[in-house]
Amino acid sequence: MPRNQNPDSSSPDTVAEVPAPKPRSFGVNHFHLVGRMTVPGELRYTPTGKPVLNFGLATTAAGVTTFVDLVAWQGAAETLAKYGGKGRELYVEGRIATWTREIDGHRVKQVDLVVESFQLLGRRLAVAGEPREEPVVEGAT
């Protein structure tokens, strides 16, 4: 039987109508970045006591460097504040979040890259006048 021929038709020239595939929307909201911290940020706390850290990351691809602002919350914020710092290489995963606020009577939309997980890579670059503190993993063999 020829391809796409309707098996129920009596005529061999009748071809089954195949519906076009419907467009799919996956709604993926995820990013992966590798880079070095540029602005270490300051660990702050919300009025409800949640730690938050805003920091910068420089990523380089094909010889072009892009500077990205990120935000980390809770445990990630505390760990990055303690062991991160200017020059620290990171692998970061997260999601994009948008929110609106009002400034001087104007609504302003802001986009945040929210860190959901990260990994410290290599060692932090030495910065003049700053002590280098590296994380110690207890119980590792």
N, C-alpha and C. Protein backbone atom coordinates (compact mmCIF):
# COMPACT_ATOMS: atom_id res chain seq x y z
N MET A 1 0.85 -1.16 0.00
CA MET A 1 0.00 0.00 0.00
C MET A 1 0.90 1.23 0.00
N PRO A 2 0.64 2.20 -0.89
CA PRO A 2 1.47 3.40 -0.91
C PRO A 2 1.38 4.16 0.40
N ARG A 3 2.41 4.88 0.65
CA ARG A 3 2.51 5.66 1.88
C ARG A 3 1.37 6.68 1.96
N ASN A 4 0.79 6.87 3.15
CA ASN A 4 -0.30 7.80 3.43
C ASN A 4 -1.60 7.48 2.72
N GLN A 5 -1.70 6.29 2.15
CA GLN A 5 -2.96 5.93 1.49
C GLN A 5 -3.96 5.48 2.55
N ASN A 6 -5.18 5.93 2.41
CA ASN A 6 -6.23 5.59 3.36
C ASN A 6 -6.64 4.14 3.13
N PRO A 7 -6.49 3.24 4.09
CA PRO A 7 -6.80 1.83 3.89
C PRO A 7 -8.31 1.59 3.75
N ASP A 8 -9.14 2.55 4.19
CA ASP A 8 -10.59 2.37 4.09
C ASP A 8 -11.15 2.80 2.75
N SER A 9 -10.38 3.48 1.94
CA SER A 9 -10.92 3.97 0.68
C SER A 9 -10.87 2.86 -0.36
N SER A 10 -11.82 2.93 -1.27
CA SER A 10 -11.86 1.93 -2.33
C SER A 10 -10.97 2.32 -3.49
N SER A 11 -10.65 3.59 -3.59
CA SER A 11 -9.81 4.05 -4.69
C SER A 11 -8.36 4.08 -4.24
N PRO A 12 -7.46 3.53 -5.03
CA PRO A 12 -6.04 3.57 -4.66
C PRO A 12 -5.46 4.97 -4.74
N ASP A 13 -6.16 5.91 -5.38
CA ASP A 13 -5.65 7.27 -5.51
C ASP A 13 -6.01 8.17 -4.34
N THR A 14 -6.83 7.69 -3.42
CA THR A 14 -7.23 8.49 -2.26
C THR A 14 -6.12 8.43 -1.21
N VAL A 15 -5.71 9.60 -0.75
CA VAL A 15 -4.63 9.70 0.24
C VAL A 15 -5.21 10.20 1.55
N ALA A 16 -4.84 9.57 2.64
CA ALA A 16 -5.34 9.99 3.96
C ALA A 16 -4.81 11.36 4.29
N GLU A 17 -5.66 12.18 4.88
CA GLU A 17 -5.26 13.52 5.27
C GLU A 17 -4.61 13.45 6.64
N VAL A 18 -3.38 13.86 6.72
CA VAL A 18 -2.64 13.83 7.98
C VAL A 18 -2.66 15.23 8.56
N PRO A 19 -3.17 15.41 9.79
CA PRO A 19 -3.22 16.75 10.36
C PRO A 19 -1.81 17.27 10.63
N ALA A 20 -1.66 18.58 10.45
CA ALA A 20 -0.37 19.22 10.73
C ALA A 20 -0.11 19.18 12.23
N PRO A 21 1.14 19.01 12.63
CA PRO A 21 1.44 18.99 14.06
C PRO A 21 1.13 20.35 14.68
N LYS A 22 0.61 20.34 15.89
CA LYS A 22 0.31 21.57 16.60
C LYS A 22 1.60 22.14 17.16
N PRO A 23 1.74 23.49 17.13
CA PRO A 23 2.95 24.08 17.73
C PRO A 23 2.96 23.79 19.23
N ARG A 24 4.15 23.53 19.75
CA ARG A 24 4.28 23.17 21.16
C ARG A 24 4.95 24.31 21.91
N SER A 25 4.46 24.57 23.08
CA SER A 25 5.03 25.58 23.95
C SER A 25 5.53 24.87 25.20
N PHE A 26 6.84 24.87 25.40
CA PHE A 26 7.40 24.15 26.53
C PHE A 26 7.55 25.01 27.77
N GLY A 27 7.61 26.32 27.62
CA GLY A 27 7.74 27.18 28.78
C GLY A 27 9.02 26.98 29.55
N VAL A 28 10.13 26.78 28.88
CA VAL A 28 11.40 26.56 29.56
C VAL A 28 11.90 27.90 30.12
N ASN A 29 12.25 27.92 31.37
CA ASN A 29 12.76 29.11 32.03
C ASN A 29 13.95 28.68 32.88
N HIS A 30 15.10 28.54 32.23
CA HIS A 30 16.27 28.02 32.92
C HIS A 30 17.53 28.56 32.24
N PHE A 31 18.55 28.85 33.02
CA PHE A 31 19.82 29.28 32.45
C PHE A 31 20.97 28.56 33.13
N HIS A 32 22.09 28.46 32.41
CA HIS A 32 23.34 27.89 32.90
C HIS A 32 24.43 28.89 32.53
N LEU A 33 25.26 29.28 33.48
CA LEU A 33 26.35 30.21 33.22
C LEU A 33 27.62 29.75 33.91
N VAL A 34 28.75 30.02 33.28
CA VAL A 34 30.05 29.83 33.90
C VAL A 34 30.78 31.15 33.73
N GLY A 35 31.32 31.66 34.82
CA GLY A 35 32.03 32.92 34.74
C GLY A 35 32.71 33.24 36.05
N ARG A 36 33.21 34.48 36.12
CA ARG A 36 33.89 34.93 37.33
C ARG A 36 33.09 36.08 37.96
N MET A 37 33.02 36.05 39.29
CA MET A 37 32.32 37.11 40.01
C MET A 37 33.04 38.43 39.80
N THR A 38 32.27 39.46 39.49
CA THR A 38 32.85 40.79 39.28
C THR A 38 32.55 41.71 40.46
N VAL A 39 31.32 41.70 40.89
CA VAL A 39 30.89 42.51 42.02
C VAL A 39 30.44 41.53 43.11
N PRO A 40 31.19 41.45 44.20
CA PRO A 40 30.85 40.45 45.20
C PRO A 40 29.51 40.69 45.89
N GLY A 41 29.05 41.91 45.93
CA GLY A 41 27.77 42.19 46.56
C GLY A 41 27.87 42.16 48.07
N GLU A 42 26.81 42.60 48.70
CA GLU A 42 26.76 42.62 50.16
C GLU A 42 25.57 41.80 50.60
N LEU A 43 25.81 40.91 51.53
CA LEU A 43 24.73 40.07 52.06
C LEU A 43 23.77 40.96 52.84
N ARG A 44 22.50 40.93 52.43
CA ARG A 44 21.47 41.71 53.12
C ARG A 44 20.38 40.76 53.58
N TYR A 45 19.48 41.26 54.40
CA TYR A 45 18.37 40.46 54.89
C TYR A 45 17.07 41.20 54.65
N THR A 46 16.04 40.48 54.21
CA THR A 46 14.72 41.06 54.01
C THR A 46 14.10 41.34 55.38
N PRO A 47 13.01 42.10 55.44
CA PRO A 47 12.34 42.33 56.73
C PRO A 47 11.89 41.04 57.42
N THR A 48 11.68 39.98 56.63
CA THR A 48 11.27 38.70 57.23
C THR A 48 12.48 37.83 57.60
N GLY A 49 13.70 38.34 57.37
CA GLY A 49 14.90 37.62 57.78
C GLY A 49 15.54 36.74 56.73
N LYS A 50 15.07 36.77 55.46
CA LYS A 50 15.68 35.95 54.41
C LYS A 50 16.94 36.62 53.87
N PRO A 51 18.05 35.86 53.82
CA PRO A 51 19.27 36.44 53.25
C PRO A 51 19.16 36.56 51.73
N VAL A 52 19.71 37.65 51.19
CA VAL A 52 19.71 37.89 49.75
C VAL A 52 21.05 38.52 49.36
N LEU A 53 21.58 38.10 48.21
CA LEU A 53 22.86 38.61 47.73
C LEU A 53 22.73 38.92 46.25
N ASN A 54 22.98 40.17 45.87
CA ASN A 54 23.06 40.57 44.47
C ASN A 54 24.52 40.63 44.10
N PHE A 55 24.89 40.02 42.97
CA PHE A 55 26.30 40.02 42.57
C PHE A 55 26.39 40.00 41.05
N GLY A 56 27.57 40.31 40.54
CA GLY A 56 27.82 40.32 39.11
C GLY A 56 28.67 39.13 38.70
N LEU A 57 28.49 38.71 37.43
CA LEU A 57 29.25 37.60 36.87
C LEU A 57 29.69 37.99 35.47
N ALA A 58 30.95 37.76 35.15
CA ALA A 58 31.47 38.01 33.79
C ALA A 58 31.61 36.67 33.09
N THR A 59 30.95 36.52 31.95
CA THR A 59 31.04 35.30 31.16
C THR A 59 31.69 35.65 29.82
N THR A 60 32.48 34.74 29.30
CA THR A 60 33.15 34.98 28.03
C THR A 60 32.86 33.83 27.07
N ALA A 61 32.40 34.19 25.87
CA ALA A 61 32.15 33.20 24.81
C ALA A 61 32.61 33.81 23.50
N ALA A 62 33.38 33.04 22.76
CA ALA A 62 33.92 33.47 21.46
C ALA A 62 34.61 34.83 21.55
N GLY A 63 35.34 35.04 22.64
CA GLY A 63 36.11 36.25 22.80
C GLY A 63 35.31 37.48 23.22
N VAL A 64 34.02 37.32 23.45
CA VAL A 64 33.17 38.43 23.87
C VAL A 64 32.77 38.23 25.33
N THR A 65 33.04 39.22 26.16
CA THR A 65 32.70 39.14 27.58
C THR A 65 31.37 39.85 27.83
N THR A 66 30.49 39.17 28.56
CA THR A 66 29.19 39.71 28.93
C THR A 66 29.10 39.79 30.44
N PHE A 67 28.62 40.90 30.94
CA PHE A 67 28.47 41.09 32.38
C PHE A 67 27.00 40.91 32.74
N VAL A 68 26.74 40.05 33.70
CA VAL A 68 25.38 39.68 34.08
C VAL A 68 25.20 39.93 35.57
N ASP A 69 24.03 40.47 35.93
CA ASP A 69 23.69 40.67 37.33
C ASP A 69 22.79 39.52 37.78
N LEU A 70 23.11 38.93 38.94
CA LEU A 70 22.34 37.81 39.48
C LEU A 70 21.91 38.09 40.90
N VAL A 71 20.93 37.31 41.37
CA VAL A 71 20.49 37.42 42.76
C VAL A 71 20.39 36.01 43.34
N ALA A 72 20.93 35.84 44.55
CA ALA A 72 20.86 34.55 45.25
C ALA A 72 20.12 34.77 46.56
N TRP A 73 19.37 33.76 46.96
CA TRP A 73 18.57 33.83 48.17
C TRP A 73 18.98 32.74 49.16
N GLN A 74 18.72 32.96 50.40
CA GLN A 74 18.85 32.03 51.51
C GLN A 74 20.22 31.37 51.58
N GLY A 75 20.30 30.03 51.57
CA GLY A 75 21.58 29.34 51.75
C GLY A 75 22.59 29.67 50.66
N ALA A 76 22.12 29.80 49.43
CA ALA A 76 23.03 30.15 48.33
C ALA A 76 23.63 31.53 48.56
N ALA A 77 22.82 32.46 49.04
CA ALA A 77 23.30 33.82 49.30
C ALA A 77 24.38 33.81 50.38
N GLU A 78 24.13 33.09 51.46
CA GLU A 78 25.10 33.05 52.55
C GLU A 78 26.42 32.39 52.14
N THR A 79 26.32 31.30 51.38
CA THR A 79 27.54 30.60 50.96
C THR A 79 28.34 31.44 49.98
N LEU A 80 27.67 32.06 49.01
CA LEU A 80 28.38 32.91 48.04
C LEU A 80 28.99 34.13 48.72
N ALA A 81 28.31 34.68 49.72
CA ALA A 81 28.88 35.82 50.43
C ALA A 81 30.14 35.42 51.19
N LYS A 82 30.16 34.21 51.71
CA LYS A 82 31.30 33.75 52.50
C LYS A 82 32.48 33.31 51.62
N TYR A 83 32.21 32.51 50.58
CA TYR A 83 33.29 31.92 49.80
C TYR A 83 33.47 32.54 48.42
N GLY A 84 32.55 33.37 48.00
CA GLY A 84 32.67 34.03 46.70
C GLY A 84 33.61 35.21 46.81
N GLY A 85 33.48 36.11 45.89
CA GLY A 85 34.31 37.31 45.91
C GLY A 85 34.80 37.59 44.51
N LYS A 86 35.30 38.77 44.32
CA LYS A 86 35.76 39.19 43.00
C LYS A 86 36.79 38.20 42.46
N GLY A 87 36.54 37.72 41.25
CA GLY A 87 37.46 36.79 40.60
C GLY A 87 37.13 35.32 40.81
N ARG A 88 36.19 35.02 41.70
CA ARG A 88 35.83 33.62 41.97
C ARG A 88 35.07 33.04 40.79
N GLU A 89 35.54 31.89 40.28
CA GLU A 89 34.88 31.25 39.15
C GLU A 89 33.71 30.39 39.64
N LEU A 90 32.56 30.53 38.97
CA LEU A 90 31.34 29.83 39.36
C LEU A 90 30.65 29.18 38.18
N TYR A 91 29.97 28.09 38.46
CA TYR A 91 28.97 27.52 37.55
C TYR A 91 27.64 27.81 38.22
N VAL A 92 26.72 28.44 37.51
CA VAL A 92 25.45 28.86 38.10
C VAL A 92 24.29 28.35 37.25
N GLU A 93 23.25 27.84 37.92
CA GLU A 93 22.00 27.47 37.27
C GLU A 93 20.90 28.26 37.93
N GLY A 94 19.87 28.60 37.16
CA GLY A 94 18.77 29.33 37.77
C GLY A 94 17.64 29.58 36.81
N ARG A 95 16.79 30.54 37.19
CA ARG A 95 15.61 30.88 36.41
C ARG A 95 15.52 32.39 36.27
N ILE A 96 14.73 32.82 35.32
CA ILE A 96 14.51 34.24 35.09
C ILE A 96 13.21 34.63 35.78
N ALA A 97 13.26 35.67 36.58
CA ALA A 97 12.06 36.14 37.28
C ALA A 97 11.83 37.61 36.93
N THR A 98 10.57 37.98 36.74
CA THR A 98 10.24 39.37 36.48
C THR A 98 9.31 39.87 37.57
N TRP A 99 9.43 41.14 37.87
CA TRP A 99 8.55 41.76 38.84
C TRP A 99 8.44 43.24 38.51
N THR A 100 7.39 43.85 39.03
CA THR A 100 7.12 45.25 38.74
C THR A 100 7.12 46.03 40.05
N ARG A 101 7.70 47.21 40.01
CA ARG A 101 7.67 48.09 41.17
C ARG A 101 7.39 49.51 40.70
N GLU A 102 7.07 50.36 41.62
CA GLU A 102 6.75 51.73 41.28
C GLU A 102 7.84 52.65 41.80
N ILE A 103 8.36 53.48 40.89
CA ILE A 103 9.41 54.44 41.24
C ILE A 103 8.92 55.81 40.78
N ASP A 104 8.78 56.73 41.71
CA ASP A 104 8.32 58.09 41.41
C ASP A 104 7.05 58.10 40.57
N GLY A 105 6.12 57.22 40.89
CA GLY A 105 4.85 57.18 40.19
C GLY A 105 4.86 56.45 38.86
N HIS A 106 6.00 55.88 38.47
CA HIS A 106 6.11 55.14 37.22
C HIS A 106 6.30 53.66 37.52
N ARG A 107 5.57 52.83 36.79
CA ARG A 107 5.75 51.38 36.96
C ARG A 107 6.98 50.96 36.17
N VAL A 108 7.86 50.24 36.84
CA VAL A 108 9.10 49.78 36.24
C VAL A 108 9.14 48.26 36.34
N LYS A 109 9.41 47.60 35.21
CA LYS A 109 9.52 46.15 35.19
C LYS A 109 10.99 45.78 35.31
N GLN A 110 11.29 44.83 36.18
CA GLN A 110 12.67 44.40 36.38
C GLN A 110 12.77 42.90 36.12
N VAL A 111 13.87 42.51 35.51
CA VAL A 111 14.14 41.09 35.25
C VAL A 111 15.34 40.68 36.11
N ASP A 112 15.18 39.62 36.88
CA ASP A 112 16.26 39.10 37.72
C ASP A 112 16.65 37.70 37.25
N LEU A 113 17.95 37.42 37.27
CA LEU A 113 18.43 36.06 37.07
C LEU A 113 18.63 35.51 38.48
N VAL A 114 17.76 34.58 38.87
CA VAL A 114 17.74 34.05 40.22
C VAL A 114 18.54 32.75 40.29
N VAL A 115 19.54 32.71 41.14
CA VAL A 115 20.39 31.53 41.31
C VAL A 115 19.60 30.46 42.07
N GLU A 116 19.49 29.28 41.47
CA GLU A 116 18.85 28.15 42.15
C GLU A 116 19.89 27.16 42.67
N SER A 117 21.00 27.03 41.96
CA SER A 117 22.11 26.20 42.43
C SER A 117 23.40 26.72 41.79
N PHE A 118 24.51 26.39 42.41
CA PHE A 118 25.80 26.84 41.90
C PHE A 118 26.89 25.89 42.35
N GLN A 119 28.03 26.01 41.71
CA GLN A 119 29.20 25.24 42.12
C GLN A 119 30.41 26.16 42.04
N LEU A 120 31.21 26.17 43.09
CA LEU A 120 32.46 26.93 43.08
C LEU A 120 33.46 26.17 42.22
N LEU A 121 34.08 26.85 41.27
CA LEU A 121 35.05 26.22 40.38
C LEU A 121 36.43 26.79 40.65
N GLY A 122 37.44 25.94 40.59
CA GLY A 122 38.81 26.42 40.76
C GLY A 122 39.00 27.19 42.05
N ARG A 123 39.97 28.08 42.02
CA ARG A 123 40.27 28.91 43.18
C ARG A 123 39.95 30.35 42.83
N ARG A 124 39.71 31.11 43.86
CA ARG A 124 39.44 32.53 43.68
C ARG A 124 40.72 33.23 43.26
N LEU A 125 40.62 34.17 42.33
CA LEU A 125 41.78 34.94 41.94
C LEU A 125 42.22 35.82 43.10
N ALA A 126 43.51 36.00 43.25
CA ALA A 126 44.03 36.83 44.34
C ALA A 126 43.72 38.29 44.05
N VAL A 127 43.16 38.97 45.03
CA VAL A 127 42.88 40.39 44.93
C VAL A 127 43.72 41.06 46.00
N ALA A 128 44.46 42.11 45.62
CA ALA A 128 45.37 42.77 46.55
C ALA A 128 44.65 43.22 47.81
N GLY A 129 45.21 42.88 48.95
CA GLY A 129 44.69 43.32 50.23
C GLY A 129 43.56 42.48 50.79
N GLU A 130 43.13 41.43 50.10
CA GLU A 130 42.04 40.59 50.61
C GLU A 130 42.57 39.21 50.96
N PRO A 131 42.21 38.70 52.14
CA PRO A 131 42.63 37.33 52.48
C PRO A 131 41.88 36.32 51.64
N ARG A 132 42.50 35.20 51.35
CA ARG A 132 41.87 34.13 50.58
C ARG A 132 41.41 33.06 51.53
N GLU A 133 40.12 32.84 51.58
CA GLU A 133 39.56 31.80 52.44
C GLU A 133 38.88 30.79 51.53
N GLU A 134 39.30 29.56 51.60
CA GLU A 134 38.73 28.51 50.77
C GLU A 134 37.83 27.63 51.62
N PRO A 135 36.75 27.12 51.02
CA PRO A 135 35.85 26.26 51.79
C PRO A 135 36.53 24.95 52.18
N VAL A 136 36.20 24.47 53.35
CA VAL A 136 36.72 23.18 53.84
C VAL A 136 35.56 22.21 53.88
N VAL A 137 35.69 21.10 53.17
CA VAL A 137 34.65 20.10 53.14
C VAL A 137 34.96 19.06 54.19
N GLU A 138 34.08 18.95 55.19
CA GLU A 138 34.31 17.99 56.25
C GLU A 138 33.75 16.63 55.88
N GLY A 139 34.41 15.60 56.27
CA GLY A 139 33.93 14.24 56.04
C GLY A 139 34.27 13.71 54.66
N ALA A 140 35.01 14.46 53.86
CA ALA A 140 35.37 13.98 52.53
C ALA A 140 36.54 13.02 52.65
N THR A 141 36.54 12.01 51.81
CA THR A 141 37.66 11.05 51.86
C THR A 141 38.54 11.20 50.67
